[in-house]
């Protein structure tokens, strides 16, 4: 696997996180950002939730990176 294939796989994964609907797969499991407003953000679960919200927040740069990749 080359470096370019790795970057494409990472881009696909970030795209999947960006379009993830918070109400369906993560809401019933209480993996929302509202659940982690306290000091528990240093846990693995808190960091995963932070990554999901960061990907959703940075959709415009992600769209531009998709256009460049295509």
PDB file of N, CA and C in Angstrom:
ATOM      1  N   UNK A   1       0.852  -1.170   0.000  1.00  0.00           N
ATOM      2  CA  UNK A   1       0.000   0.000   0.000  1.00  0.00           C
ATOM      3  C   UNK A   1       0.899   1.234   0.000  1.00  0.00           C
ATOM      4  N   UNK A   2       0.649   2.078  -0.927  1.00  0.00           N
ATOM      5  CA  UNK A   2       1.454   3.279  -1.048  1.00  0.00           C
ATOM      6  C   UNK A   2       0.902   4.418  -0.209  1.00  0.00           C
ATOM      7  N   UNK A   3       1.648   5.482  -0.210  1.00  0.00           N
ATOM      8  CA  UNK A   3       1.255   6.658   0.565  1.00  0.00           C
ATOM      9  C   UNK A   3      -0.014   7.281   0.013  1.00  0.00           C
ATOM     10  N   UNK A   4      -0.166   7.305  -1.311  1.00  0.00           N
ATOM     11  CA  UNK A   4      -1.355   7.896  -1.919  1.00  0.00           C
ATOM     12  C   UNK A   4      -2.609   7.092  -1.566  1.00  0.00           C
ATOM     13  N   UNK A   5      -2.509   5.773  -1.553  1.00  0.00           N
ATOM     14  CA  UNK A   5      -3.650   4.932  -1.175  1.00  0.00           C
ATOM     15  C   UNK A   5      -4.014   5.154   0.290  1.00  0.00           C
ATOM     16  N   UNK A   6      -3.012   5.362   1.118  1.00  0.00           N
ATOM     17  CA  UNK A   6      -3.264   5.663   2.526  1.00  0.00           C
ATOM     18  C   UNK A   6      -4.005   6.987   2.682  1.00  0.00           C
ATOM     19  N   UNK A   7      -3.578   8.009   1.933  1.00  0.00           N
ATOM     20  CA  UNK A   7      -4.266   9.307   1.998  1.00  0.00           C
ATOM     21  C   UNK A   7      -5.700   9.220   1.481  1.00  0.00           C
ATOM     22  N   UNK A   8      -5.921   8.447   0.432  1.00  0.00           N
ATOM     23  CA  UNK A   8      -7.286   8.279  -0.074  1.00  0.00           C
ATOM     24  C   UNK A   8      -8.172   7.568   0.935  1.00  0.00           C
ATOM     25  N   UNK A   9      -7.650   6.554   1.594  1.00  0.00           N
ATOM     26  CA  UNK A   9      -8.404   5.857   2.630  1.00  0.00           C
ATOM     27  C   UNK A   9      -8.720   6.761   3.803  1.00  0.00           C
ATOM     28  N   UNK A  10      -7.763   7.582   4.195  1.00  0.00           N
ATOM     29  CA  UNK A  10      -7.988   8.531   5.278  1.00  0.00           C
ATOM     30  C   UNK A  10      -9.037   9.561   4.888  1.00  0.00           C
ATOM     31  N   UNK A  11      -9.002  10.010   3.644  1.00  0.00           N
ATOM     32  CA  UNK A  11      -9.992  10.964   3.158  1.00  0.00           C
ATOM     33  C   UNK A  11     -11.389  10.352   3.160  1.00  0.00           C
ATOM     34  N   UNK A  12     -11.507   9.112   2.754  1.00  0.00           N
ATOM     35  CA  UNK A  12     -12.811   8.444   2.789  1.00  0.00           C
ATOM     36  C   UNK A  12     -13.330   8.305   4.218  1.00  0.00           C
ATOM     37  N   UNK A  13     -12.447   8.002   5.154  1.00  0.00           N
ATOM     38  CA  UNK A  13     -12.843   7.877   6.552  1.00  0.00           C
ATOM     39  C   UNK A  13     -13.308   9.219   7.123  1.00  0.00           C
ATOM     40  N   UNK A  14     -12.593  10.291   6.806  1.00  0.00           N
ATOM     41  CA  UNK A  14     -12.977  11.620   7.293  1.00  0.00           C
ATOM     42  C   UNK A  14     -14.297  12.047   6.664  1.00  0.00           C
ATOM     43  N   UNK A  15     -14.510  11.707   5.392  1.00  0.00           N
ATOM     44  CA  UNK A  15     -15.798  11.993   4.757  1.00  0.00           C
ATOM     45  C   UNK A  15     -16.933  11.259   5.461  1.00  0.00           C
ATOM     46  N   UNK A  16     -16.697  10.020   5.845  1.00  0.00           N
ATOM     47  CA  UNK A  16     -17.724   9.257   6.555  1.00  0.00           C
ATOM     48  C   UNK A  16     -18.042   9.899   7.898  1.00  0.00           C
ATOM     49  N   UNK A  17     -17.042  10.397   8.593  1.00  0.00           N
ATOM     50  CA  UNK A  17     -17.292  11.072   9.873  1.00  0.00           C
ATOM     51  C   UNK A  17     -18.003  12.401   9.682  1.00  0.00           C
ATOM     52  N   UNK A  18     -17.732  13.076   8.572  1.00  0.00           N
ATOM     53  CA  UNK A  18     -18.335  14.380   8.329  1.00  0.00           C
ATOM     54  C   UNK A  18     -19.821  14.280   8.043  1.00  0.00           C
ATOM     55  N   UNK A  19     -20.260  13.190   7.436  1.00  0.00           N
ATOM     56  CA  UNK A  19     -21.678  13.067   7.106  1.00  0.00           C
ATOM     57  C   UNK A  19     -22.440  12.250   8.139  1.00  0.00           C
ATOM     58  N   UNK A  20     -21.766  11.854   9.215  1.00  0.00           N
ATOM     59  CA  UNK A  20     -22.395  11.050  10.252  1.00  0.00           C
ATOM     60  C   UNK A  20     -23.478  11.859  10.957  1.00  0.00           C
ATOM     61  N   UNK A  21     -24.682  11.338  10.991  1.00  0.00           N
ATOM     62  CA  UNK A  21     -25.793  11.997  11.655  1.00  0.00           C
ATOM     63  C   UNK A  21     -25.736  11.671  13.141  1.00  0.00           C
ATOM     64  N   UNK A  22     -25.702  12.694  13.981  1.00  0.00           N
ATOM     65  CA  UNK A  22     -25.536  12.486  15.409  1.00  0.00           C
ATOM     66  C   UNK A  22     -26.764  11.842  16.051  1.00  0.00           C
ATOM     67  N   UNK A  23     -27.932  12.002  15.466  1.00  0.00           N
ATOM     68  CA  UNK A  23     -29.149  11.477  16.074  1.00  0.00           C
ATOM     69  C   UNK A  23     -29.297   9.968  15.916  1.00  0.00           C
ATOM     70  N   UNK A  24     -28.758   9.404  14.867  1.00  0.00           N
ATOM     71  CA  UNK A  24     -29.006   7.982  14.613  1.00  0.00           C
ATOM     72  C   UNK A  24     -27.986   7.040  15.240  1.00  0.00           C
ATOM     73  N   UNK A  25     -26.728   6.994  14.786  1.00  0.00           N
ATOM     74  CA  UNK A  25     -25.841   5.964  15.327  1.00  0.00           C
ATOM     75  C   UNK A  25     -25.218   6.306  16.678  1.00  0.00           C
ATOM     76  N   UNK A  26     -24.950   7.574  16.943  1.00  0.00           N
ATOM     77  CA  UNK A  26     -24.248   7.902  18.182  1.00  0.00           C
ATOM     78  C   UNK A  26     -25.148   8.477  19.258  1.00  0.00           C
ATOM     79  N   UNK A  27     -26.308   8.980  18.907  1.00  0.00           N
ATOM     80  CA  UNK A  27     -27.231   9.570  19.882  1.00  0.00           C
ATOM     81  C   UNK A  27     -27.783   8.575  20.889  1.00  0.00           C
ATOM     82  N   UNK A  28     -28.297   7.422  20.448  1.00  0.00           N
ATOM     83  CA  UNK A  28     -28.824   6.460  21.418  1.00  0.00           C
ATOM     84  C   UNK A  28     -27.764   5.888  22.351  1.00  0.00           C
ATOM     85  N   UNK A  29     -26.520   5.933  21.952  1.00  0.00           N
ATOM     86  CA  UNK A  29     -25.435   5.413  22.803  1.00  0.00           C
ATOM     87  C   UNK A  29     -24.863   6.497  23.706  1.00  0.00           C
ATOM     88  N   UNK A  30     -25.453   7.688  23.673  1.00  0.00           N
ATOM     89  CA  UNK A  30     -25.042   8.859  24.449  1.00  0.00           C
ATOM     90  C   UNK A  30     -23.607   9.274  24.124  1.00  0.00           C
ATOM     91  N   UNK A  31     -23.274   9.252  22.841  1.00  0.00           N
ATOM     92  CA  UNK A  31     -21.963   9.699  22.374  1.00  0.00           C
ATOM     93  C   UNK A  31     -22.093  11.082  21.749  1.00  0.00           C
ATOM     94  N   UNK A  32     -22.777  11.990  22.404  1.00  0.00           N
ATOM     95  CA  UNK A  32     -22.956  13.337  21.880  1.00  0.00           C
ATOM     96  C   UNK A  32     -22.004  14.284  22.591  1.00  0.00           C
ATOM     97  N   UNK A  33     -21.795  15.442  21.997  1.00  0.00           N
ATOM     98  CA  UNK A  33     -20.895  16.417  22.585  1.00  0.00           C
ATOM     99  C   UNK A  33     -21.490  16.990  23.867  1.00  0.00           C
ATOM    100  N   UNK A  34     -22.817  17.033  23.969  1.00  0.00           N
ATOM    101  CA  UNK A  34     -23.462  17.543  25.182  1.00  0.00           C
ATOM    102  C   UNK A  34     -23.173  16.652  26.389  1.00  0.00           C
ATOM    103  N   UNK A  35     -22.958  15.384  26.171  1.00  0.00           N
ATOM    104  CA  UNK A  35     -22.652  14.461  27.265  1.00  0.00           C
ATOM    105  C   UNK A  35     -21.242  14.692  27.811  1.00  0.00           C
ATOM    106  N   UNK A  36     -20.364  15.270  27.007  1.00  0.00           N
ATOM    107  CA  UNK A  36     -18.962  15.416  27.390  1.00  0.00           C
ATOM    108  C   UNK A  36     -18.559  16.871  27.562  1.00  0.00           C
ATOM    109  N   UNK A  37     -19.420  17.702  28.094  1.00  0.00           N
ATOM    110  CA  UNK A  37     -19.066  19.090  28.346  1.00  0.00           C
ATOM    111  C   UNK A  37     -18.243  19.234  29.616  1.00  0.00           C
ATOM    112  N   UNK A  38     -18.219  18.210  30.445  1.00  0.00           N
ATOM    113  CA  UNK A  38     -17.458  18.261  31.693  1.00  0.00           C
ATOM    114  C   UNK A  38     -15.987  18.017  31.472  1.00  0.00           C
ATOM    115  N   UNK A  39     -15.321  17.465  32.457  1.00  0.00           N
ATOM    116  CA  UNK A  39     -13.892  17.245  32.385  1.00  0.00           C
ATOM    117  C   UNK A  39     -13.500  15.882  31.865  1.00  0.00           C
ATOM    118  N   UNK A  40     -14.429  15.133  31.290  1.00  0.00           N
ATOM    119  CA  UNK A  40     -14.135  13.778  30.831  1.00  0.00           C
ATOM    120  C   UNK A  40     -13.701  13.745  29.373  1.00  0.00           C
ATOM    121  N   UNK A  41     -13.213  14.819  28.836  1.00  0.00           N
ATOM    122  CA  UNK A  41     -12.814  14.856  27.426  1.00  0.00           C
ATOM    123  C   UNK A  41     -11.494  14.149  27.174  1.00  0.00           C
ATOM    124  N   UNK A  42     -10.758  13.827  28.192  1.00  0.00           N
ATOM    125  CA  UNK A  42      -9.466  13.179  27.987  1.00  0.00           C
ATOM    126  C   UNK A  42      -9.594  11.682  27.809  1.00  0.00           C
ATOM    127  N   UNK A  43     -10.782  11.133  27.951  1.00  0.00           N
ATOM    128  CA  UNK A  43     -10.975   9.707  27.741  1.00  0.00           C
ATOM    129  C   UNK A  43     -10.986   9.413  26.248  1.00  0.00           C
ATOM    130  N   UNK A  44     -10.841   8.150  25.890  1.00  0.00           N
ATOM    131  CA  UNK A  44     -10.853   7.760  24.480  1.00  0.00           C
ATOM    132  C   UNK A  44     -12.203   8.081  23.846  1.00  0.00           C
ATOM    133  N   UNK A  45     -13.277   7.826  24.574  1.00  0.00           N
ATOM    134  CA  UNK A  45     -14.618   8.113  24.070  1.00  0.00           C
ATOM    135  C   UNK A  45     -14.790   9.619  23.819  1.00  0.00           C
ATOM    136  N   UNK A  46     -14.299  10.444  24.712  1.00  0.00           N
ATOM    137  CA  UNK A  46     -14.380  11.891  24.542  1.00  0.00           C
ATOM    138  C   UNK A  46     -13.563  12.384  23.363  1.00  0.00           C
ATOM    139  N   UNK A  47     -12.410  11.775  23.132  1.00  0.00           N
ATOM    140  CA  UNK A  47     -11.581  12.177  22.004  1.00  0.00           C
ATOM    141  C   UNK A  47     -12.198  11.766  20.681  1.00  0.00           C
ATOM    142  N   UNK A  48     -12.851  10.598  20.641  1.00  0.00           N
ATOM    143  CA  UNK A  48     -13.536  10.162  19.418  1.00  0.00           C
ATOM    144  C   UNK A  48     -14.684  11.109  19.088  1.00  0.00           C
ATOM    145  N   UNK A  49     -15.429  11.513  20.105  1.00  0.00           N
ATOM    146  CA  UNK A  49     -16.530  12.455  19.895  1.00  0.00           C
ATOM    147  C   UNK A  49     -15.989  13.794  19.408  1.00  0.00           C
ATOM    148  N   UNK A  50     -14.856  14.216  19.940  1.00  0.00           N
ATOM    149  CA  UNK A  50     -14.237  15.456  19.484  1.00  0.00           C
ATOM    150  C   UNK A  50     -13.803  15.386  18.035  1.00  0.00           C
ATOM    151  N   UNK A  51     -13.276  14.249  17.616  1.00  0.00           N
ATOM    152  CA  UNK A  51     -12.873  14.078  16.218  1.00  0.00           C
ATOM    153  C   UNK A  51     -14.088  14.121  15.295  1.00  0.00           C
ATOM    154  N   UNK A  52     -15.187  13.489  15.711  1.00  0.00           N
ATOM    155  CA  UNK A  52     -16.404  13.502  14.894  1.00  0.00           C
ATOM    156  C   UNK A  52     -16.903  14.929  14.717  1.00  0.00           C
ATOM    157  N   UNK A  53     -16.922  15.709  15.787  1.00  0.00           N
ATOM    158  CA  UNK A  53     -17.402  17.084  15.687  1.00  0.00           C
ATOM    159  C   UNK A  53     -16.425  17.973  14.920  1.00  0.00           C
ATOM    160  N   UNK A  54     -15.150  17.705  15.015  1.00  0.00           N
ATOM    161  CA  UNK A  54     -14.181  18.484  14.239  1.00  0.00           C
ATOM    162  C   UNK A  54     -14.358  18.230  12.750  1.00  0.00           C
ATOM    163  N   UNK A  55     -14.622  16.983  12.368  1.00  0.00           N
ATOM    164  CA  UNK A  55     -14.842  16.663  10.951  1.00  0.00           C
ATOM    165  C   UNK A  55     -16.119  17.305  10.442  1.00  0.00           C
ATOM    166  N   UNK A  56     -17.143  17.367  11.294  1.00  0.00           N
ATOM    167  CA  UNK A  56     -18.389  17.990  10.869  1.00  0.00           C
ATOM    168  C   UNK A  56     -18.245  19.504  10.782  1.00  0.00           C
ATOM    169  N   UNK A  57     -17.410  20.075  11.627  1.00  0.00           N
ATOM    170  CA  UNK A  57     -17.210  21.521  11.625  1.00  0.00           C
ATOM    171  C   UNK A  57     -16.397  21.976  10.416  1.00  0.00           C
ATOM    172  N   UNK A  58     -15.451  21.170   9.975  1.00  0.00           N
ATOM    173  CA  UNK A  58     -14.553  21.547   8.885  1.00  0.00           C
ATOM    174  C   UNK A  58     -14.995  20.948   7.548  1.00  0.00           C
ATOM    175  N   UNK A  59     -16.266  21.044   7.249  1.00  0.00           N
ATOM    176  CA  UNK A  59     -16.779  20.469   6.003  1.00  0.00           C
ATOM    177  C   UNK A  59     -16.299  21.217   4.772  1.00  0.00           C
ATOM    178  N   UNK A  60     -16.223  22.527   4.832  1.00  0.00           N
ATOM    179  CA  UNK A  60     -15.809  23.291   3.651  1.00  0.00           C
ATOM    180  C   UNK A  60     -14.368  22.978   3.246  1.00  0.00           C
ATOM    181  N   UNK A  61     -13.399  22.982   4.149  1.00  0.00           N
ATOM    182  CA  UNK A  61     -12.058  22.566   3.720  1.00  0.00           C
ATOM    183  C   UNK A  61     -12.017  21.117   3.242  1.00  0.00           C
ATOM    184  N   UNK A  62     -12.875  20.276   3.808  1.00  0.00           N
ATOM    185  CA  UNK A  62     -12.935  18.889   3.370  1.00  0.00           C
ATOM    186  C   UNK A  62     -13.463  18.783   1.944  1.00  0.00           C
ATOM    187  N   UNK A  63     -14.435  19.606   1.595  1.00  0.00           N
ATOM    188  CA  UNK A  63     -14.960  19.629   0.232  1.00  0.00           C
ATOM    189  C   UNK A  63     -13.861  20.070  -0.736  1.00  0.00           C
ATOM    190  N   UNK A  64     -13.104  21.089  -0.351  1.00  0.00           N
ATOM    191  CA  UNK A  64     -12.011  21.556  -1.215  1.00  0.00           C
ATOM    192  C   UNK A  64     -10.932  20.487  -1.375  1.00  0.00           C
ATOM    193  N   UNK A  65     -10.621  19.783  -0.303  1.00  0.00           N
ATOM    194  CA  UNK A  65      -9.630  18.722  -0.391  1.00  0.00           C
ATOM    195  C   UNK A  65     -10.125  17.568  -1.268  1.00  0.00           C
ATOM    196  N   UNK A  66     -11.429  17.288  -1.222  1.00  0.00           N
ATOM    197  CA  UNK A  66     -12.012  16.276  -2.113  1.00  0.00           C
ATOM    198  C   UNK A  66     -11.884  16.691  -3.574  1.00  0.00           C
ATOM    199  N   UNK A  67     -12.138  17.957  -3.856  1.00  0.00           N
ATOM    200  CA  UNK A  67     -12.031  18.442  -5.232  1.00  0.00           C
ATOM    201  C   UNK A  67     -10.601  18.344  -5.724  1.00  0.00           C
ATOM    202  N   UNK A  68      -9.643  18.692  -4.886  1.00  0.00           N
ATOM    203  CA  UNK A  68      -8.231  18.598  -5.262  1.00  0.00           C
ATOM    204  C   UNK A  68      -7.842  17.149  -5.506  1.00  0.00           C
ATOM    205  N   UNK A  69      -8.338  16.242  -4.670  1.00  0.00           N
ATOM    206  CA  UNK A  69      -8.003  14.832  -4.811  1.00  0.00           C
ATOM    207  C   UNK A  69      -8.592  14.241  -6.075  1.00  0.00           C
ATOM    208  N   UNK A  70      -9.818  14.615  -6.384  1.00  0.00           N
ATOM    209  CA  UNK A  70     -10.455  14.082  -7.598  1.00  0.00           C
ATOM    210  C   UNK A  70      -9.750  14.625  -8.829  1.00  0.00           C
TER     211      UNK A  70
END
